[in-house]
Amino acid sequence: MVSLDIELPDLEERIDLWEKLSSLKYIVIEEYLPDAIFEDSYLLENEKEISRLYVEKTNVSIHNKNTWQEAMSFLNTNMKKLETFYIEYRAILTA
């Protein structure tokens, strides 16, 4: 999984940032990550609620030698795309 997590302690700040990110959803999907999943309320294993934009690849693991290349390729490609998106739209997201 490659994700952009919003874990702000102040709920209003988290909602504000999530709304900014959501306003860019069309751009994210059309230009960067066509399979992106947007979840305004995502519950972590430790019961903490966050907002998350992510892409995932199923049936692969960096710990499985047979799927290592596929997993690494997925991570490399999608991390670059997400980072490029963030750099391009940082001014909007941090305003």
N, C-alpha and C. Protein backbone atom coordinates (compact mmCIF):
# COMPACT_ATOMS: atom_id res chain seq x y z
N MET A 1 0.84 -1.18 0.00
CA MET A 1 0.00 0.00 0.00
C MET A 1 0.88 1.24 0.00
N VAL A 2 0.47 2.19 -0.80
CA VAL A 2 1.09 3.52 -0.80
C VAL A 2 -0.02 4.48 -0.40
N SER A 3 0.24 5.30 0.62
CA SER A 3 -0.83 6.15 1.12
C SER A 3 -0.36 7.54 1.52
N LEU A 4 -1.32 8.43 1.53
CA LEU A 4 -1.16 9.76 2.09
C LEU A 4 -2.15 9.81 3.25
N ASP A 5 -1.62 9.78 4.47
CA ASP A 5 -2.44 9.75 5.67
C ASP A 5 -2.55 11.12 6.30
N ILE A 6 -3.73 11.46 6.73
CA ILE A 6 -3.96 12.71 7.45
C ILE A 6 -4.27 12.33 8.89
N GLU A 7 -3.31 12.60 9.77
CA GLU A 7 -3.41 12.21 11.18
C GLU A 7 -3.26 13.42 12.09
N LEU A 8 -4.03 14.43 11.87
CA LEU A 8 -3.93 15.63 12.68
C LEU A 8 -4.72 15.46 13.98
N PRO A 9 -4.17 15.91 15.10
CA PRO A 9 -4.87 15.77 16.37
C PRO A 9 -6.16 16.60 16.44
N ASP A 10 -6.18 17.71 15.74
CA ASP A 10 -7.36 18.57 15.72
C ASP A 10 -8.29 18.11 14.60
N LEU A 11 -9.49 17.66 14.96
CA LEU A 11 -10.43 17.14 13.97
C LEU A 11 -10.79 18.17 12.91
N GLU A 12 -10.97 19.41 13.30
CA GLU A 12 -11.32 20.45 12.33
C GLU A 12 -10.21 20.66 11.31
N GLU A 13 -8.97 20.60 11.76
CA GLU A 13 -7.83 20.73 10.83
C GLU A 13 -7.78 19.53 9.88
N ARG A 14 -8.06 18.35 10.42
CA ARG A 14 -8.06 17.15 9.57
C ARG A 14 -9.16 17.24 8.52
N ILE A 15 -10.34 17.69 8.93
CA ILE A 15 -11.44 17.83 7.98
C ILE A 15 -11.10 18.87 6.92
N ASP A 16 -10.51 19.97 7.32
CA ASP A 16 -10.13 21.02 6.37
C ASP A 16 -9.14 20.50 5.34
N LEU A 17 -8.11 19.80 5.80
CA LEU A 17 -7.12 19.25 4.88
C LEU A 17 -7.74 18.18 3.99
N TRP A 18 -8.61 17.35 4.56
CA TRP A 18 -9.27 16.32 3.77
C TRP A 18 -10.13 16.95 2.66
N GLU A 19 -10.82 18.02 2.98
CA GLU A 19 -11.65 18.70 1.97
C GLU A 19 -10.78 19.26 0.85
N LYS A 20 -9.62 19.79 1.19
CA LYS A 20 -8.70 20.29 0.16
C LYS A 20 -8.22 19.14 -0.72
N LEU A 21 -7.85 18.03 -0.09
CA LEU A 21 -7.39 16.87 -0.85
C LEU A 21 -8.52 16.32 -1.72
N SER A 22 -9.70 16.24 -1.17
CA SER A 22 -10.85 15.72 -1.91
C SER A 22 -11.21 16.61 -3.10
N SER A 23 -10.97 17.90 -2.98
CA SER A 23 -11.26 18.81 -4.09
C SER A 23 -10.34 18.54 -5.28
N LEU A 24 -9.25 17.83 -5.02
CA LEU A 24 -8.29 17.49 -6.08
C LEU A 24 -8.45 16.04 -6.55
N LYS A 25 -9.52 15.39 -6.13
CA LYS A 25 -9.72 13.97 -6.43
C LYS A 25 -9.68 13.69 -7.94
N TYR A 26 -10.35 14.50 -8.73
CA TYR A 26 -10.36 14.29 -10.18
C TYR A 26 -8.94 14.31 -10.74
N ILE A 27 -8.14 15.26 -10.29
CA ILE A 27 -6.76 15.38 -10.76
C ILE A 27 -5.94 14.17 -10.33
N VAL A 28 -6.10 13.75 -9.08
CA VAL A 28 -5.37 12.58 -8.58
C VAL A 28 -5.67 11.37 -9.45
N ILE A 29 -6.94 11.13 -9.71
CA ILE A 29 -7.34 9.94 -10.47
C ILE A 29 -6.99 10.04 -11.95
N GLU A 30 -7.19 11.20 -12.53
CA GLU A 30 -6.93 11.35 -13.97
C GLU A 30 -5.44 11.45 -14.32
N GLU A 31 -4.65 12.07 -13.45
CA GLU A 31 -3.26 12.34 -13.81
C GLU A 31 -2.21 11.54 -13.05
N TYR A 32 -2.58 10.98 -11.91
CA TYR A 32 -1.56 10.35 -11.07
C TYR A 32 -1.88 8.90 -10.70
N LEU A 33 -2.98 8.68 -10.03
CA LEU A 33 -3.29 7.36 -9.47
C LEU A 33 -4.73 6.97 -9.82
N PRO A 34 -4.93 6.35 -10.97
CA PRO A 34 -6.29 6.02 -11.41
C PRO A 34 -7.04 5.09 -10.46
N ASP A 35 -6.32 4.30 -9.67
CA ASP A 35 -6.96 3.37 -8.75
C ASP A 35 -7.01 3.88 -7.32
N ALA A 36 -6.81 5.18 -7.14
CA ALA A 36 -6.78 5.76 -5.80
C ALA A 36 -8.10 5.57 -5.07
N ILE A 37 -7.98 5.29 -3.78
CA ILE A 37 -9.13 5.13 -2.91
C ILE A 37 -9.08 6.27 -1.89
N PHE A 38 -10.17 7.00 -1.76
CA PHE A 38 -10.27 8.11 -0.82
C PHE A 38 -11.16 7.69 0.33
N GLU A 39 -10.64 7.68 1.54
CA GLU A 39 -11.44 7.33 2.72
C GLU A 39 -11.31 8.44 3.75
N ASP A 40 -12.40 9.15 3.97
CA ASP A 40 -12.35 10.26 4.94
C ASP A 40 -12.26 9.74 6.36
N SER A 41 -12.70 8.51 6.59
CA SER A 41 -12.63 7.92 7.92
C SER A 41 -12.06 6.51 7.79
N TYR A 42 -10.80 6.37 8.15
CA TYR A 42 -10.10 5.09 8.03
C TYR A 42 -9.61 4.71 9.43
N LEU A 43 -9.97 3.54 9.89
CA LEU A 43 -9.61 3.11 11.24
C LEU A 43 -8.34 2.24 11.18
N LEU A 44 -7.31 2.72 11.87
CA LEU A 44 -6.06 1.97 11.95
C LEU A 44 -6.20 0.81 12.93
N GLU A 45 -5.24 -0.11 12.91
CA GLU A 45 -5.27 -1.26 13.82
C GLU A 45 -5.29 -0.84 15.29
N ASN A 46 -4.67 0.31 15.59
CA ASN A 46 -4.63 0.78 16.98
C ASN A 46 -5.88 1.58 17.37
N GLU A 47 -6.93 1.50 16.52
CA GLU A 47 -8.22 2.16 16.74
C GLU A 47 -8.19 3.67 16.51
N LYS A 48 -7.10 4.19 16.00
CA LYS A 48 -7.02 5.62 15.69
C LYS A 48 -7.70 5.88 14.34
N GLU A 49 -8.51 6.91 14.30
CA GLU A 49 -9.20 7.27 13.07
C GLU A 49 -8.40 8.33 12.32
N ILE A 50 -8.18 8.09 11.05
CA ILE A 50 -7.46 9.03 10.20
C ILE A 50 -8.24 9.17 8.89
N SER A 51 -7.75 10.06 8.03
CA SER A 51 -8.25 10.14 6.66
C SER A 51 -7.11 9.66 5.78
N ARG A 52 -7.45 8.94 4.72
CA ARG A 52 -6.40 8.30 3.93
C ARG A 52 -6.75 8.28 2.45
N LEU A 53 -5.75 8.61 1.64
CA LEU A 53 -5.78 8.41 0.20
C LEU A 53 -4.76 7.32 -0.06
N TYR A 54 -5.16 6.27 -0.77
CA TYR A 54 -4.20 5.18 -0.97
C TYR A 54 -4.46 4.39 -2.24
N VAL A 55 -3.45 3.65 -2.63
CA VAL A 55 -3.53 2.63 -3.67
C VAL A 55 -2.91 1.38 -3.07
N GLU A 56 -3.43 0.24 -3.49
CA GLU A 56 -2.87 -0.99 -2.95
C GLU A 56 -2.76 -2.05 -4.03
N LYS A 57 -1.87 -2.97 -3.79
CA LYS A 57 -1.65 -4.11 -4.68
C LYS A 57 -1.88 -5.35 -3.83
N THR A 58 -2.79 -6.18 -4.24
CA THR A 58 -3.09 -7.37 -3.46
C THR A 58 -2.26 -8.56 -3.95
N ASN A 59 -2.15 -9.54 -3.11
CA ASN A 59 -1.47 -10.80 -3.40
C ASN A 59 0.02 -10.65 -3.68
N VAL A 60 0.63 -9.61 -3.10
CA VAL A 60 2.08 -9.46 -3.17
C VAL A 60 2.60 -9.10 -1.78
N SER A 61 3.87 -9.36 -1.56
CA SER A 61 4.49 -9.02 -0.29
C SER A 61 5.98 -8.80 -0.50
N ILE A 62 6.51 -7.79 0.17
CA ILE A 62 7.95 -7.58 0.08
C ILE A 62 8.70 -8.69 0.81
N HIS A 63 7.99 -9.50 1.58
CA HIS A 63 8.59 -10.60 2.33
C HIS A 63 8.50 -11.93 1.58
N ASN A 64 7.84 -11.93 0.44
CA ASN A 64 7.71 -13.14 -0.37
C ASN A 64 8.62 -13.01 -1.58
N LYS A 65 9.62 -13.85 -1.65
CA LYS A 65 10.61 -13.79 -2.73
C LYS A 65 9.96 -13.89 -4.11
N ASN A 66 8.86 -14.63 -4.20
CA ASN A 66 8.20 -14.83 -5.49
C ASN A 66 7.46 -13.59 -6.00
N THR A 67 7.06 -12.70 -5.09
CA THR A 67 6.34 -11.49 -5.51
C THR A 67 7.12 -10.22 -5.23
N TRP A 68 8.35 -10.37 -4.79
CA TRP A 68 9.16 -9.22 -4.39
C TRP A 68 9.29 -8.21 -5.52
N GLN A 69 9.64 -8.64 -6.71
CA GLN A 69 9.85 -7.72 -7.83
C GLN A 69 8.57 -6.94 -8.15
N GLU A 70 7.45 -7.64 -8.18
CA GLU A 70 6.17 -6.99 -8.47
C GLU A 70 5.80 -5.98 -7.38
N ALA A 71 6.02 -6.35 -6.13
CA ALA A 71 5.73 -5.45 -5.01
C ALA A 71 6.62 -4.22 -5.06
N MET A 72 7.90 -4.41 -5.28
CA MET A 72 8.83 -3.29 -5.33
C MET A 72 8.52 -2.36 -6.50
N SER A 73 8.17 -2.92 -7.61
CA SER A 73 7.81 -2.11 -8.78
C SER A 73 6.58 -1.26 -8.49
N PHE A 74 5.57 -1.89 -7.88
CA PHE A 74 4.35 -1.17 -7.50
C PHE A 74 4.67 -0.02 -6.55
N LEU A 75 5.43 -0.31 -5.50
CA LEU A 75 5.78 0.72 -4.52
C LEU A 75 6.57 1.85 -5.16
N ASN A 76 7.55 1.52 -5.95
CA ASN A 76 8.39 2.53 -6.59
C ASN A 76 7.57 3.45 -7.50
N THR A 77 6.78 2.86 -8.34
CA THR A 77 5.98 3.63 -9.29
C THR A 77 4.98 4.54 -8.57
N ASN A 78 4.24 3.96 -7.64
CA ASN A 78 3.17 4.72 -7.00
C ASN A 78 3.66 5.72 -5.97
N MET A 79 4.77 5.44 -5.30
CA MET A 79 5.34 6.43 -4.38
C MET A 79 5.80 7.66 -5.16
N LYS A 80 6.39 7.44 -6.30
CA LYS A 80 6.83 8.57 -7.14
C LYS A 80 5.63 9.40 -7.60
N LYS A 81 4.58 8.72 -8.02
CA LYS A 81 3.38 9.43 -8.48
C LYS A 81 2.75 10.25 -7.36
N LEU A 82 2.64 9.66 -6.18
CA LEU A 82 2.04 10.36 -5.04
C LEU A 82 2.92 11.53 -4.60
N GLU A 83 4.21 11.33 -4.61
CA GLU A 83 5.12 12.42 -4.25
C GLU A 83 5.04 13.56 -5.26
N THR A 84 4.99 13.23 -6.54
CA THR A 84 4.88 14.25 -7.58
C THR A 84 3.59 15.04 -7.41
N PHE A 85 2.48 14.33 -7.15
CA PHE A 85 1.21 15.02 -6.91
C PHE A 85 1.34 15.98 -5.73
N TYR A 86 1.89 15.49 -4.62
CA TYR A 86 2.00 16.32 -3.43
C TYR A 86 2.85 17.56 -3.68
N ILE A 87 3.95 17.39 -4.36
CA ILE A 87 4.83 18.53 -4.66
C ILE A 87 4.09 19.55 -5.53
N GLU A 88 3.39 19.05 -6.53
CA GLU A 88 2.65 19.94 -7.44
C GLU A 88 1.55 20.73 -6.74
N TYR A 89 0.88 20.12 -5.78
CA TYR A 89 -0.29 20.72 -5.15
C TYR A 89 -0.08 21.07 -3.68
N ARG A 90 1.15 21.08 -3.22
CA ARG A 90 1.47 21.39 -1.83
C ARG A 90 0.92 22.73 -1.41
N ALA A 91 1.02 23.73 -2.27
CA ALA A 91 0.53 25.08 -1.92
C ALA A 91 -0.96 25.07 -1.60
N ILE A 92 -1.72 24.30 -2.34
CA ILE A 92 -3.17 24.20 -2.08
C ILE A 92 -3.43 23.45 -0.78
N LEU A 93 -2.71 22.36 -0.59
CA LEU A 93 -2.95 21.50 0.57
C LEU A 93 -2.48 22.15 1.88
N THR A 94 -1.50 23.00 1.82
CA THR A 94 -0.96 23.60 3.05
C THR A 94 -1.45 25.02 3.28
N ALA A 95 -2.32 25.50 2.41
CA ALA A 95 -2.82 26.87 2.57
C ALA A 95 -3.82 26.97 3.71
